[in-house]
Amino acid sequence: MPIVARSYSAASTAVVVAKYARVSTPNQLDGFGLEEQDKICNGWLACHPEATVHGSYVDEAVSGSLESRPEMDRLVRDAHRLCFNRILVPAVDRIGRTARAAYQWAWDMADIGVSFISVKEGIDTSTEEGWQHFTRHVNFSEMEWRRIKERTLAGRELKISYGGWPGGPAPYGYRIEHDTSYEGQRRKRFSVLVTDAHEAMVLDRAARLIVDDGMNISEACAELNKRKLHTRSGVRWTPANLRNRLYSETIHDGYV
């Protein structure tokens, strides 16, 4: 399929498409995600030899709930330059996981004469029937996204109920370890927070510099940096960074 880089006339009947694909997580970048999406779009193009391709736009590891994405933003700019008159996606949920994100993008494109083609659902918004079909699938896509969010939240709450760490990096002063507990004959494996001896020592030293030696936050930072007791990432302490650590509810109260 030829790749063209040109503007089309608003009155032209030629079908010029821009391919758009998106994956939500870094794990999808290797293997199935993008390759399968490209295969689906190329299958549509093979059945429509009259269409030419302006280019491909791919957002990698970007959530479908966001209304602004780097490659989507570039696609919109090219659409306003009249580089194409169709946006080809493998499935509706690639446009957006929320109705607001999907509708707004589709309406904005319709205003400048650009339609959506979604291969999986057989949608083409250049027709009234296609718009109605698009609306139904966008609503379904958001419902599915909300179910996924609910299942994810339920999984996090289950971990918390067993004393596990729900996810994300450990707060300063702690590290993450795996704890295996037993409930009847079921073996459960969770990530838990445990005190990190080195980071706890740094915090204790900072507190003593302020409480015992009468230093302010800036002076304590300077002293820690002088002793090469740097942050977890190895950079020098700043007053704001140290203040956030010393006033953390996690460190003092164990609350997250």
C-alpha atoms as a PDB file:
ATOM      1  CA  MET A   1       0.000   0.000   0.000  1.00  0.00           C
ATOM      2  CA  PRO A   2       1.599   3.313  -1.034  1.00  0.00           C
ATOM      3  CA  ILE A   3       2.422   5.894   1.627  1.00  0.00           C
ATOM      4  CA  VAL A   4       1.665   9.442   0.569  1.00  0.00           C
ATOM      5  CA  ALA A   5       2.599  12.691   2.285  1.00  0.00           C
ATOM      6  CA  ARG A   6       0.356  15.294   0.721  1.00  0.00           C
ATOM      7  CA  SER A   7      -2.704  17.370   1.471  1.00  0.00           C
ATOM      8  CA  TYR A   8      -6.018  16.484  -0.072  1.00  0.00           C
ATOM      9  CA  SER A   9      -8.647  18.866  -1.393  1.00  0.00           C
ATOM     10  CA  ALA A  10     -11.750  19.208   0.795  1.00  0.00           C
ATOM     11  CA  ALA A  11     -13.838  18.525  -2.295  1.00  0.00           C
ATOM     12  CA  SER A  12     -11.865  15.430  -3.250  1.00  0.00           C
ATOM     13  CA  THR A  13     -13.554  12.022  -3.086  1.00  0.00           C
ATOM     14  CA  ALA A  14     -10.241  10.189  -2.668  1.00  0.00           C
ATOM     15  CA  VAL A  15      -9.953   8.170   0.535  1.00  0.00           C
ATOM     16  CA  VAL A  16      -6.755   9.154   2.338  1.00  0.00           C
ATOM     17  CA  VAL A  17      -6.307   7.468   5.700  1.00  0.00           C
ATOM     18  CA  ALA A  18      -4.182   7.973   8.784  1.00  0.00           C
ATOM     19  CA  LYS A  19      -3.604   4.805  10.811  1.00  0.00           C
ATOM     20  CA  TYR A  20      -3.856   5.193  14.579  1.00  0.00           C
ATOM     21  CA  ALA A  21      -2.926   2.603  17.204  1.00  0.00           C
ATOM     22  CA  ARG A  22      -2.510   2.696  20.971  1.00  0.00           C
ATOM     23  CA  VAL A  23      -1.353   0.418  23.785  1.00  0.00           C
ATOM     24  CA  SER A  24      -1.942   1.180  27.456  1.00  0.00           C
ATOM     25  CA  THR A  25       0.987  -0.566  29.148  1.00  0.00           C
ATOM     26  CA  PRO A  26       4.703  -1.030  28.400  1.00  0.00           C
ATOM     27  CA  ASN A  27       4.224  -4.823  28.447  1.00  0.00           C
ATOM     28  CA  GLN A  28       2.036  -4.564  25.364  1.00  0.00           C
ATOM     29  CA  LEU A  29       4.824  -2.958  23.342  1.00  0.00           C
ATOM     30  CA  ASP A  30       6.604  -6.288  22.921  1.00  0.00           C
ATOM     31  CA  GLY A  31       4.605  -8.683  20.842  1.00  0.00           C
ATOM     32  CA  PHE A  32       0.878  -8.885  20.426  1.00  0.00           C
ATOM     33  CA  GLY A  33      -0.474  -5.386  21.022  1.00  0.00           C
ATOM     34  CA  LEU A  34       0.828  -3.110  18.282  1.00  0.00           C
ATOM     35  CA  GLU A  35       1.589  -5.878  15.803  1.00  0.00           C
ATOM     36  CA  GLU A  36      -1.966  -7.176  15.953  1.00  0.00           C
ATOM     37  CA  GLN A  37      -3.449  -3.692  15.618  1.00  0.00           C
ATOM     38  CA  ASP A  38      -1.306  -3.005  12.552  1.00  0.00           C
ATOM     39  CA  LYS A  39      -2.295  -6.361  11.068  1.00  0.00           C
ATOM     40  CA  ILE A  40      -5.995  -5.533  11.466  1.00  0.00           C
ATOM     41  CA  CYS A  41      -5.621  -2.132   9.817  1.00  0.00           C
ATOM     42  CA  ASN A  42      -3.552  -3.547   6.963  1.00  0.00           C
ATOM     43  CA  GLY A  43      -6.234  -6.176   6.411  1.00  0.00           C
ATOM     44  CA  TRP A  44      -8.790  -3.409   5.851  1.00  0.00           C
ATOM     45  CA  LEU A  45      -6.434  -1.595   3.483  1.00  0.00           C
ATOM     46  CA  ALA A  46      -5.897  -4.765   1.464  1.00  0.00           C
ATOM     47  CA  CYS A  47      -9.669  -4.908   0.872  1.00  0.00           C
ATOM     48  CA  HIS A  48      -9.808  -1.226  -0.141  1.00  0.00           C
ATOM     49  CA  PRO A  49      -7.169  -0.681  -2.826  1.00  0.00           C
ATOM     50  CA  GLU A  50      -8.681   2.725  -3.609  1.00  0.00           C
ATOM     51  CA  ALA A  51      -7.426   4.059  -0.264  1.00  0.00           C
ATOM     52  CA  THR A  52      -3.996   5.570   0.200  1.00  0.00           C
ATOM     53  CA  VAL A  53      -2.149   5.966   3.494  1.00  0.00           C
ATOM     54  CA  HIS A  54      -0.863   9.294   4.715  1.00  0.00           C
ATOM     55  CA  GLY A  55       1.002   7.822   7.697  1.00  0.00           C
ATOM     56  CA  SER A  56       0.852   5.958  10.991  1.00  0.00           C
ATOM     57  CA  TYR A  57       0.427   7.385  14.492  1.00  0.00           C
ATOM     58  CA  VAL A  58       1.155   5.195  17.507  1.00  0.00           C
ATOM     59  CA  ASP A  59       0.767   6.081  21.194  1.00  0.00           C
ATOM     60  CA  GLU A  60       2.845   3.686  23.265  1.00  0.00           C
ATOM     61  CA  ALA A  61       1.943   3.005  26.910  1.00  0.00           C
ATOM     62  CA  VAL A  62      -0.715   5.736  27.020  1.00  0.00           C
ATOM     63  CA  SER A  63      -4.064   5.309  28.773  1.00  0.00           C
ATOM     64  CA  GLY A  64      -7.229   5.422  26.713  1.00  0.00           C
ATOM     65  CA  SER A  65      -8.869   7.549  29.421  1.00  0.00           C
ATOM     66  CA  LEU A  66      -6.634  10.511  28.568  1.00  0.00           C
ATOM     67  CA  GLU A  67      -7.983  13.208  26.293  1.00  0.00           C
ATOM     68  CA  SER A  68      -4.516  14.296  25.187  1.00  0.00           C
ATOM     69  CA  ARG A  69      -1.829  11.908  23.913  1.00  0.00           C
ATOM     70  CA  PRO A  70       1.389  12.749  22.019  1.00  0.00           C
ATOM     71  CA  GLU A  71       0.654  10.930  18.768  1.00  0.00           C
ATOM     72  CA  MET A  72      -3.040  11.731  18.901  1.00  0.00           C
ATOM     73  CA  ASP A  73      -2.140  15.413  19.225  1.00  0.00           C
ATOM     74  CA  ARG A  74       0.156  15.132  16.205  1.00  0.00           C
ATOM     75  CA  LEU A  75      -2.593  13.388  14.264  1.00  0.00           C
ATOM     76  CA  VAL A  76      -5.028  16.196  15.100  1.00  0.00           C
ATOM     77  CA  ARG A  77      -2.562  18.812  13.884  1.00  0.00           C
ATOM     78  CA  ASP A  78      -2.136  16.944  10.588  1.00  0.00           C
ATOM     79  CA  ALA A  79      -5.907  16.573  10.269  1.00  0.00           C
ATOM     80  CA  HIS A  80      -6.297  20.345  10.481  1.00  0.00           C
ATOM     81  CA  ARG A  81      -3.693  20.612   7.731  1.00  0.00           C
ATOM     82  CA  LEU A  82      -6.025  18.423   5.623  1.00  0.00           C
ATOM     83  CA  CYS A  83      -3.453  15.653   5.206  1.00  0.00           C
ATOM     84  CA  PHE A  84      -6.149  12.947   5.212  1.00  0.00           C
ATOM     85  CA  ASN A  85      -9.926  12.495   5.433  1.00  0.00           C
ATOM     86  CA  ARG A  86     -10.182   9.188   7.322  1.00  0.00           C
ATOM     87  CA  ILE A  87      -8.698   7.939  10.585  1.00  0.00           C
ATOM     88  CA  LEU A  88      -8.322   4.159  10.547  1.00  0.00           C
ATOM     89  CA  VAL A  89      -8.304   2.348  13.890  1.00  0.00           C
ATOM     90  CA  PRO A  90      -8.401  -1.398  14.620  1.00  0.00           C
ATOM     91  CA  ALA A  91     -11.113  -1.011  17.294  1.00  0.00           C
ATOM     92  CA  VAL A  92     -13.212   1.750  18.844  1.00  0.00           C
ATOM     93  CA  ASP A  93     -11.501   1.530  22.224  1.00  0.00           C
ATOM     94  CA  ARG A  94      -8.237   2.671  20.595  1.00  0.00           C
ATOM     95  CA  ILE A  95      -9.865   6.089  20.161  1.00  0.00           C
ATOM     96  CA  GLY A  96     -10.649   6.351  23.851  1.00  0.00           C
ATOM     97  CA  ARG A  97     -11.823   4.315  26.823  1.00  0.00           C
ATOM     98  CA  THR A  98     -14.160   7.035  28.078  1.00  0.00           C
ATOM     99  CA  ALA A  99     -17.132   8.392  26.169  1.00  0.00           C
ATOM    100  CA  ARG A 100     -15.973  11.957  26.755  1.00  0.00           C
ATOM    101  CA  ALA A 101     -12.535  11.335  25.251  1.00  0.00           C
ATOM    102  CA  ALA A 102     -13.896   9.451  22.244  1.00  0.00           C
ATOM    103  CA  TYR A 103     -16.833  11.742  21.499  1.00  0.00           C
ATOM    104  CA  GLN A 104     -14.848  14.955  21.719  1.00  0.00           C
ATOM    105  CA  TRP A 105     -12.183  13.676  19.373  1.00  0.00           C
ATOM    106  CA  ALA A 106     -14.719  12.330  16.883  1.00  0.00           C
ATOM    107  CA  TRP A 107     -16.779  15.540  16.904  1.00  0.00           C
ATOM    108  CA  ASP A 108     -13.720  17.720  16.438  1.00  0.00           C
ATOM    109  CA  MET A 109     -12.629  15.639  13.477  1.00  0.00           C
ATOM    110  CA  ALA A 110     -16.121  15.621  11.959  1.00  0.00           C
ATOM    111  CA  ASP A 111     -16.125  19.431  12.019  1.00  0.00           C
ATOM    112  CA  ILE A 112     -13.190  19.481   9.586  1.00  0.00           C
ATOM    113  CA  GLY A 113     -14.492  16.648   7.423  1.00  0.00           C
ATOM    114  CA  VAL A 114     -12.469  13.748   8.866  1.00  0.00           C
ATOM    115  CA  SER A 115     -14.297  10.480   9.606  1.00  0.00           C
ATOM    116  CA  PHE A 116     -13.396   7.382  11.618  1.00  0.00           C
ATOM    117  CA  ILE A 117     -13.170   3.858  10.336  1.00  0.00           C
ATOM    118  CA  SER A 118     -13.033   1.146  13.003  1.00  0.00           C
ATOM    119  CA  VAL A 119     -12.246  -2.214  11.458  1.00  0.00           C
ATOM    120  CA  LYS A 120     -13.282  -4.574  14.240  1.00  0.00           C
ATOM    121  CA  GLU A 121     -16.776  -3.116  14.622  1.00  0.00           C
ATOM    122  CA  GLY A 122     -17.261  -2.229  10.955  1.00  0.00           C
ATOM    123  CA  ILE A 123     -17.827   1.449  11.750  1.00  0.00           C
ATOM    124  CA  ASP A 124     -17.504   4.351   9.313  1.00  0.00           C
ATOM    125  CA  THR A 125     -18.663   7.675  10.771  1.00  0.00           C
ATOM    126  CA  SER A 126     -18.961   9.261   7.339  1.00  0.00           C
ATOM    127  CA  THR A 127     -22.555   7.916   7.360  1.00  0.00           C
ATOM    128  CA  GLU A 128     -25.406   8.522   9.813  1.00  0.00           C
ATOM    129  CA  GLU A 129     -25.690   4.797  10.440  1.00  0.00           C
ATOM    130  CA  GLY A 130     -21.978   4.698  11.156  1.00  0.00           C
ATOM    131  CA  TRP A 131     -22.335   7.496  13.730  1.00  0.00           C
ATOM    132  CA  GLN A 132     -25.091   5.608  15.545  1.00  0.00           C
ATOM    133  CA  HIS A 133     -23.004   2.440  15.499  1.00  0.00           C
ATOM    134  CA  PHE A 134     -20.038   4.416  16.824  1.00  0.00           C
ATOM    135  CA  THR A 135     -22.094   5.849  19.707  1.00  0.00           C
ATOM    136  CA  ARG A 136     -23.248   2.424  20.848  1.00  0.00           C
ATOM    137  CA  HIS A 137     -19.740   0.990  20.853  1.00  0.00           C
ATOM    138  CA  VAL A 138     -18.225   4.001  22.631  1.00  0.00           C
ATOM    139  CA  ASN A 139     -20.718   3.587  25.458  1.00  0.00           C
ATOM    140  CA  PHE A 140     -19.974  -0.143  25.648  1.00  0.00           C
ATOM    141  CA  SER A 141     -16.230   0.554  25.651  1.00  0.00           C
ATOM    142  CA  GLU A 142     -16.557   2.890  28.636  1.00  0.00           C
ATOM    143  CA  MET A 143     -18.639   0.335  30.535  1.00  0.00           C
ATOM    144  CA  GLU A 144     -15.936  -2.288  29.973  1.00  0.00           C
ATOM    145  CA  TRP A 145     -13.211   0.169  31.069  1.00  0.00           C
ATOM    146  CA  ARG A 146     -15.100   0.888  34.289  1.00  0.00           C
ATOM    147  CA  ARG A 147     -15.448  -2.846  34.985  1.00  0.00           C
ATOM    148  CA  ILE A 148     -11.696  -3.245  34.557  1.00  0.00           C
ATOM    149  CA  LYS A 149     -11.098  -0.385  36.988  1.00  0.00           C
ATOM    150  CA  GLU A 150     -13.444  -1.966  39.535  1.00  0.00           C
ATOM    151  CA  ARG A 151     -11.677  -5.330  39.268  1.00  0.00           C
ATOM    152  CA  THR A 152      -8.292  -3.638  39.677  1.00  0.00           C
ATOM    153  CA  LEU A 153      -9.487  -1.736  42.738  1.00  0.00           C
ATOM    154  CA  ALA A 154     -10.967  -4.907  44.220  1.00  0.00           C
ATOM    155  CA  GLY A 155      -7.616  -6.654  43.775  1.00  0.00           C
ATOM    156  CA  ARG A 156      -5.794  -3.814  45.527  1.00  0.00           C
ATOM    157  CA  GLU A 157      -8.268  -3.872  48.410  1.00  0.00           C
ATOM    158  CA  LEU A 158      -7.820  -7.645  48.757  1.00  0.00           C
ATOM    159  CA  LYS A 159      -4.064  -7.182  49.088  1.00  0.00           C
ATOM    160  CA  ILE A 160      -4.578  -4.487  51.729  1.00  0.00           C
ATOM    161  CA  SER A 161      -6.973  -6.707  53.689  1.00  0.00           C
ATOM    162  CA  TYR A 162      -4.172  -9.284  54.024  1.00  0.00           C
ATOM    163  CA  GLY A 163      -1.652  -6.642  55.058  1.00  0.00           C
ATOM    164  CA  GLY A 164      -0.130  -6.419  51.583  1.00  0.00           C
ATOM    165  CA  TRP A 165       1.237  -3.421  49.714  1.00  0.00           C
ATOM    166  CA  PRO A 166      -1.287  -2.394  47.012  1.00  0.00           C
ATOM    167  CA  GLY A 167       1.276  -1.306  44.444  1.00  0.00           C
ATOM    168  CA  GLY A 168       3.673   1.391  43.363  1.00  0.00           C
ATOM    169  CA  PRO A 169       7.130   2.293  44.715  1.00  0.00           C
ATOM    170  CA  ALA A 170       7.782   1.958  48.428  1.00  0.00           C
ATOM    171  CA  PRO A 171       7.711   5.193  50.461  1.00  0.00           C
ATOM    172  CA  TYR A 172      11.093   6.467  51.581  1.00  0.00           C
ATOM    173  CA  GLY A 173      12.224   4.563  54.645  1.00  0.00           C
ATOM    174  CA  TYR A 174      10.733   1.284  53.437  1.00  0.00           C
ATOM    175  CA  ARG A 175      11.379  -1.384  50.838  1.00  0.00           C
ATOM    176  CA  ILE A 176       9.086  -3.963  49.273  1.00  0.00           C
ATOM    177  CA  GLU A 177       9.470  -7.651  50.037  1.00  0.00           C
ATOM    178  CA  HIS A 178       7.354 -10.698  49.209  1.00  0.00           C
ATOM    179  CA  ASP A 179       5.497 -12.330  52.061  1.00  0.00           C
ATOM    180  CA  THR A 180       3.894 -15.749  51.739  1.00  0.00           C
ATOM    181  CA  SER A 181       1.018 -16.451  54.127  1.00  0.00           C
ATOM    182  CA  TYR A 182      -1.420 -19.321  54.358  1.00  0.00           C
ATOM    183  CA  GLU A 183      -5.171 -19.384  54.649  1.00  0.00           C
ATOM    184  CA  GLY A 184      -6.290 -22.989  55.022  1.00  0.00           C
ATOM    185  CA  GLN A 185      -4.738 -24.843  52.099  1.00  0.00           C
ATOM    186  CA  ARG A 186      -4.508 -21.763  49.889  1.00  0.00           C
ATOM    187  CA  ARG A 187      -1.114 -20.180  49.510  1.00  0.00           C
ATOM    188  CA  LYS A 188      -1.145 -16.410  49.081  1.00  0.00           C
ATOM    189  CA  ARG A 189       1.798 -14.292  47.999  1.00  0.00           C
ATOM    190  CA  PHE A 190       1.759 -10.543  48.608  1.00  0.00           C
ATOM    191  CA  SER A 191       4.143  -7.626  48.501  1.00  0.00           C
ATOM    192  CA  VAL A 192       4.601  -6.035  51.916  1.00  0.00           C
ATOM    193  CA  LEU A 193       6.479  -3.021  53.253  1.00  0.00           C
ATOM    194  CA  VAL A 194       9.410  -3.540  55.594  1.00  0.00           C
ATOM    195  CA  THR A 195      11.720  -0.954  57.116  1.00  0.00           C
ATOM    196  CA  ASP A 196      14.792  -0.165  55.034  1.00  0.00           C
ATOM    197  CA  ALA A 197      17.684   0.082  57.506  1.00  0.00           C
ATOM    198  CA  HIS A 198      19.776   2.567  55.515  1.00  0.00           C
ATOM    199  CA  GLU A 199      16.939   4.941  54.668  1.00  0.00           C
ATOM    200  CA  ALA A 200      15.647   4.762  58.248  1.00  0.00           C
ATOM    201  CA  MET A 201      19.130   5.714  59.433  1.00  0.00           C
ATOM    202  CA  VAL A 202      19.202   8.719  57.092  1.00  0.00           C
ATOM    203  CA  LEU A 203      15.834   9.933  58.387  1.00  0.00           C
ATOM    204  CA  ASP A 204      16.937   9.418  61.981  1.00  0.00           C
ATOM    205  CA  ARG A 205      20.126  11.375  61.305  1.00  0.00           C
ATOM    206  CA  ALA A 206      18.132  14.215  59.719  1.00  0.00           C
ATOM    207  CA  ALA A 207      15.759  14.364  62.687  1.00  0.00           C
ATOM    208  CA  ARG A 208      18.661  14.473  65.155  1.00  0.00           C
ATOM    209  CA  LEU A 209      20.357  17.280  63.235  1.00  0.00           C
ATOM    210  CA  ILE A 210      17.172  19.338  63.541  1.00  0.00           C
ATOM    211  CA  VAL A 211      16.040  18.366  67.055  1.00  0.00           C
ATOM    212  CA  ASP A 212      19.337  17.830  68.861  1.00  0.00           C
ATOM    213  CA  ASP A 213      21.640  20.180  66.951  1.00  0.00           C
ATOM    214  CA  GLY A 214      19.113  22.929  66.288  1.00  0.00           C
ATOM    215  CA  MET A 215      19.593  23.023  62.521  1.00  0.00           C
ATOM    216  CA  ASN A 216      16.907  24.158  60.126  1.00  0.00           C
ATOM    217  CA  ILE A 217      15.835  22.076  57.120  1.00  0.00           C
ATOM    218  CA  SER A 218      18.312  23.717  54.735  1.00  0.00           C
ATOM    219  CA  GLU A 219      21.218  23.223  57.126  1.00  0.00           C
ATOM    220  CA  ALA A 220      20.248  19.610  57.699  1.00  0.00           C
ATOM    221  CA  CYS A 221      20.195  19.044  53.929  1.00  0.00           C
ATOM    222  CA  ALA A 222      23.666  20.525  53.590  1.00  0.00           C
ATOM    223  CA  GLU A 223      25.003  18.296  56.369  1.00  0.00           C
ATOM    224  CA  LEU A 224      23.425  15.129  54.927  1.00  0.00           C
ATOM    225  CA  ASN A 225      24.817  15.932  51.486  1.00  0.00           C
ATOM    226  CA  LYS A 226      28.240  16.636  53.022  1.00  0.00           C
ATOM    227  CA  ARG A 227      28.168  13.157  54.594  1.00  0.00           C
ATOM    228  CA  LYS A 228      27.061  11.705  51.225  1.00  0.00           C
ATOM    229  CA  LEU A 229      23.789  10.478  52.727  1.00  0.00           C
ATOM    230  CA  HIS A 230      21.855  11.177  49.555  1.00  0.00           C
ATOM    231  CA  THR A 231      18.310  10.365  48.474  1.00  0.00           C
ATOM    232  CA  ARG A 232      17.227   6.938  47.224  1.00  0.00           C
ATOM    233  CA  SER A 233      17.990   7.939  43.643  1.00  0.00           C
ATOM    234  CA  GLY A 234      21.443   9.176  44.631  1.00  0.00           C
ATOM    235  CA  VAL A 235      20.802  12.896  44.155  1.00  0.00           C
ATOM    236  CA  ARG A 236      21.436  15.569  46.779  1.00  0.00           C
ATOM    237  CA  TRP A 237      18.764  16.458  49.321  1.00  0.00           C
ATOM    238  CA  THR A 238      16.793  19.654  48.862  1.00  0.00           C
ATOM    239  CA  PRO A 239      14.771  21.367  51.626  1.00  0.00           C
ATOM    240  CA  ALA A 240      11.454  20.508  49.928  1.00  0.00           C
ATOM    241  CA  ASN A 241      12.420  16.867  49.425  1.00  0.00           C
ATOM    242  CA  LEU A 242      13.616  16.373  53.009  1.00  0.00           C
ATOM    243  CA  ARG A 243      10.614  18.209  54.465  1.00  0.00           C
ATOM    244  CA  ASN A 244       8.234  15.904  52.564  1.00  0.00           C
ATOM    245  CA  ARG A 245      10.005  12.851  53.954  1.00  0.00           C
ATOM    246  CA  LEU A 246      10.064  14.094  57.543  1.00  0.00           C
ATOM    247  CA  TYR A 247       6.367  15.024  57.525  1.00  0.00           C
ATOM    248  CA  SER A 248       5.234  11.809  55.788  1.00  0.00           C
ATOM    249  CA  GLU A 249       2.260  10.040  57.389  1.00  0.00           C
ATOM    250  CA  THR A 250       3.690   6.748  56.161  1.00  0.00           C
ATOM    251  CA  ILE A 251       6.939   7.183  58.069  1.00  0.00           C
ATOM    252  CA  HIS A 252       5.402   8.365  61.355  1.00  0.00           C
ATOM    253  CA  ASP A 253       2.007   6.681  61.450  1.00  0.00           C
ATOM    254  CA  GLY A 254       2.300   3.804  58.985  1.00  0.00           C
ATOM    255  CA  TYR A 255      -0.640   5.255  57.037  1.00  0.00           C
ATOM    256  CA  VAL A 256      -0.863   5.066  53.245  1.00  0.00           C
END
